[in-house]
Amino acid sequence: AYGTLTVRSLLDTREHCLNEFNFPDPYSKVKQKENGIALKCFQSVIESLDSLDWEERQFALVKGLLAGNVFDWGAKAVSE
């Protein structure tokens, strides 16, 4: 009835329910702080990636994506 069930649709439904019942995001302040720090580093990271050849850039991007996922998995384990 609502389309294909995906991880994204589950996350969106979870977010919708939390908002509907006025559950605040307990990590909001931490996210804001970390986003601010990340934005300060953004330009230098982009310039660093731009200086790499195509193959090195692809490898660096994949490493960054995997590192972000490992960080998220670790955050869940710590909170539990």
C-alpha atoms as a PDB file:
ATOM      1  CA  ALA A   1       0.000   0.000   0.000  1.00  0.00           C
ATOM      2  CA  TYR A   2       2.930   2.401   0.720  1.00  0.00           C
ATOM      3  CA  GLY A   3       5.416   1.232  -1.884  1.00  0.00           C
ATOM      4  CA  THR A   4       8.625  -0.721  -1.471  1.00  0.00           C
ATOM      5  CA  LEU A   5       9.870  -1.294   2.063  1.00  0.00           C
ATOM      6  CA  THR A   6      13.421   0.002   2.349  1.00  0.00           C
ATOM      7  CA  VAL A   7      15.764   1.055   5.112  1.00  0.00           C
ATOM      8  CA  ARG A   8      15.144   4.657   4.030  1.00  0.00           C
ATOM      9  CA  SER A   9      11.362   4.283   4.319  1.00  0.00           C
ATOM     10  CA  LEU A  10      11.760   2.734   7.788  1.00  0.00           C
ATOM     11  CA  LEU A  11      14.027   5.588   8.896  1.00  0.00           C
ATOM     12  CA  ASP A  12      11.585   8.153   7.514  1.00  0.00           C
ATOM     13  CA  THR A  13       8.670   6.464   9.311  1.00  0.00           C
ATOM     14  CA  ARG A  14      10.635   6.397  12.564  1.00  0.00           C
ATOM     15  CA  GLU A  15      11.487  10.084  12.213  1.00  0.00           C
ATOM     16  CA  HIS A  16       7.875  10.936  11.416  1.00  0.00           C
ATOM     17  CA  CYS A  17       6.590   9.098  14.511  1.00  0.00           C
ATOM     18  CA  LEU A  18       9.180  10.705  16.793  1.00  0.00           C
ATOM     19  CA  ASN A  19       8.200  14.149  15.496  1.00  0.00           C
ATOM     20  CA  GLU A  20       4.464  13.447  15.636  1.00  0.00           C
ATOM     21  CA  PHE A  21       4.635  12.513  19.312  1.00  0.00           C
ATOM     22  CA  ASN A  22       7.067  15.326  20.174  1.00  0.00           C
ATOM     23  CA  PHE A  23      10.093  13.217  21.055  1.00  0.00           C
ATOM     24  CA  PRO A  24      13.121  15.516  20.857  1.00  0.00           C
ATOM     25  CA  ASP A  25      16.334  14.378  19.218  1.00  0.00           C
ATOM     26  CA  PRO A  26      18.637  13.651  22.180  1.00  0.00           C
ATOM     27  CA  TYR A  27      21.681  14.147  19.946  1.00  0.00           C
ATOM     28  CA  SER A  28      20.622  17.475  18.408  1.00  0.00           C
ATOM     29  CA  LYS A  29      23.259  19.609  20.143  1.00  0.00           C
ATOM     30  CA  VAL A  30      26.033  17.124  19.440  1.00  0.00           C
ATOM     31  CA  LYS A  31      25.007  16.963  15.761  1.00  0.00           C
ATOM     32  CA  GLN A  32      25.017  20.774  15.507  1.00  0.00           C
ATOM     33  CA  LYS A  33      28.475  20.979  17.075  1.00  0.00           C
ATOM     34  CA  GLU A  34      29.904  18.247  14.837  1.00  0.00           C
ATOM     35  CA  ASN A  35      28.298  19.763  11.719  1.00  0.00           C
ATOM     36  CA  GLY A  36      29.912  23.108  12.559  1.00  0.00           C
ATOM     37  CA  ILE A  37      33.327  21.474  12.887  1.00  0.00           C
ATOM     38  CA  ALA A  38      32.812  19.510   9.657  1.00  0.00           C
ATOM     39  CA  LEU A  39      31.855  22.666   7.745  1.00  0.00           C
ATOM     40  CA  LYS A  40      35.086  24.356   8.865  1.00  0.00           C
ATOM     41  CA  CYS A  41      37.051  21.453   7.343  1.00  0.00           C
ATOM     42  CA  PHE A  42      34.932  21.078   4.204  1.00  0.00           C
ATOM     43  CA  GLN A  43      36.858  23.391   1.859  1.00  0.00           C
ATOM     44  CA  SER A  44      40.253  21.865   2.656  1.00  0.00           C
ATOM     45  CA  VAL A  45      38.896  18.324   2.227  1.00  0.00           C
ATOM     46  CA  ILE A  46      37.421  19.217  -1.175  1.00  0.00           C
ATOM     47  CA  GLU A  47      40.701  20.824  -2.256  1.00  0.00           C
ATOM     48  CA  SER A  48      42.590  17.744  -1.084  1.00  0.00           C
ATOM     49  CA  LEU A  49      40.276  15.466  -3.067  1.00  0.00           C
ATOM     50  CA  ASP A  50      40.568  17.706  -6.132  1.00  0.00           C
ATOM     51  CA  SER A  51      44.363  17.345  -6.023  1.00  0.00           C
ATOM     52  CA  LEU A  52      44.164  13.557  -6.384  1.00  0.00           C
ATOM     53  CA  ASP A  53      44.056  11.688  -9.672  1.00  0.00           C
ATOM     54  CA  TRP A  54      40.802   9.896 -10.537  1.00  0.00           C
ATOM     55  CA  GLU A  55      41.689   6.479  -9.083  1.00  0.00           C
ATOM     56  CA  GLU A  56      43.118   7.887  -5.842  1.00  0.00           C
ATOM     57  CA  ARG A  57      40.064  10.143  -5.470  1.00  0.00           C
ATOM     58  CA  GLN A  58      37.661   7.207  -5.832  1.00  0.00           C
ATOM     59  CA  PHE A  59      39.608   5.226  -3.233  1.00  0.00           C
ATOM     60  CA  ALA A  60      39.645   8.198  -0.814  1.00  0.00           C
ATOM     61  CA  LEU A  61      35.883   8.703  -1.242  1.00  0.00           C
ATOM     62  CA  VAL A  62      35.137   5.037  -0.545  1.00  0.00           C
ATOM     63  CA  LYS A  63      37.388   5.072   2.530  1.00  0.00           C
ATOM     64  CA  GLY A  64      35.549   8.150   3.790  1.00  0.00           C
ATOM     65  CA  LEU A  65      32.145   6.554   3.269  1.00  0.00           C
ATOM     66  CA  LEU A  66      33.193   3.377   5.049  1.00  0.00           C
ATOM     67  CA  ALA A  67      34.732   5.343   7.920  1.00  0.00           C
ATOM     68  CA  GLY A  68      31.447   7.212   8.373  1.00  0.00           C
ATOM     69  CA  ASN A  69      29.515   3.948   8.549  1.00  0.00           C
ATOM     70  CA  VAL A  70      31.947   2.457  11.072  1.00  0.00           C
ATOM     71  CA  PHE A  71      31.584   5.610  13.172  1.00  0.00           C
ATOM     72  CA  ASP A  72      27.779   5.249  13.091  1.00  0.00           C
ATOM     73  CA  TRP A  73      27.964   1.570  14.085  1.00  0.00           C
ATOM     74  CA  GLY A  74      30.246   2.490  16.983  1.00  0.00           C
ATOM     75  CA  ALA A  75      27.876   5.259  18.115  1.00  0.00           C
ATOM     76  CA  LYS A  76      25.028   2.763  18.320  1.00  0.00           C
ATOM     77  CA  ALA A  77      27.121   0.325  20.376  1.00  0.00           C
ATOM     78  CA  VAL A  78      28.168   3.104  22.772  1.00  0.00           C
ATOM     79  CA  SER A  79      24.583   4.284  23.278  1.00  0.00           C
ATOM     80  CA  GLU A  80      23.422   0.733  24.011  1.00  0.00           C
END
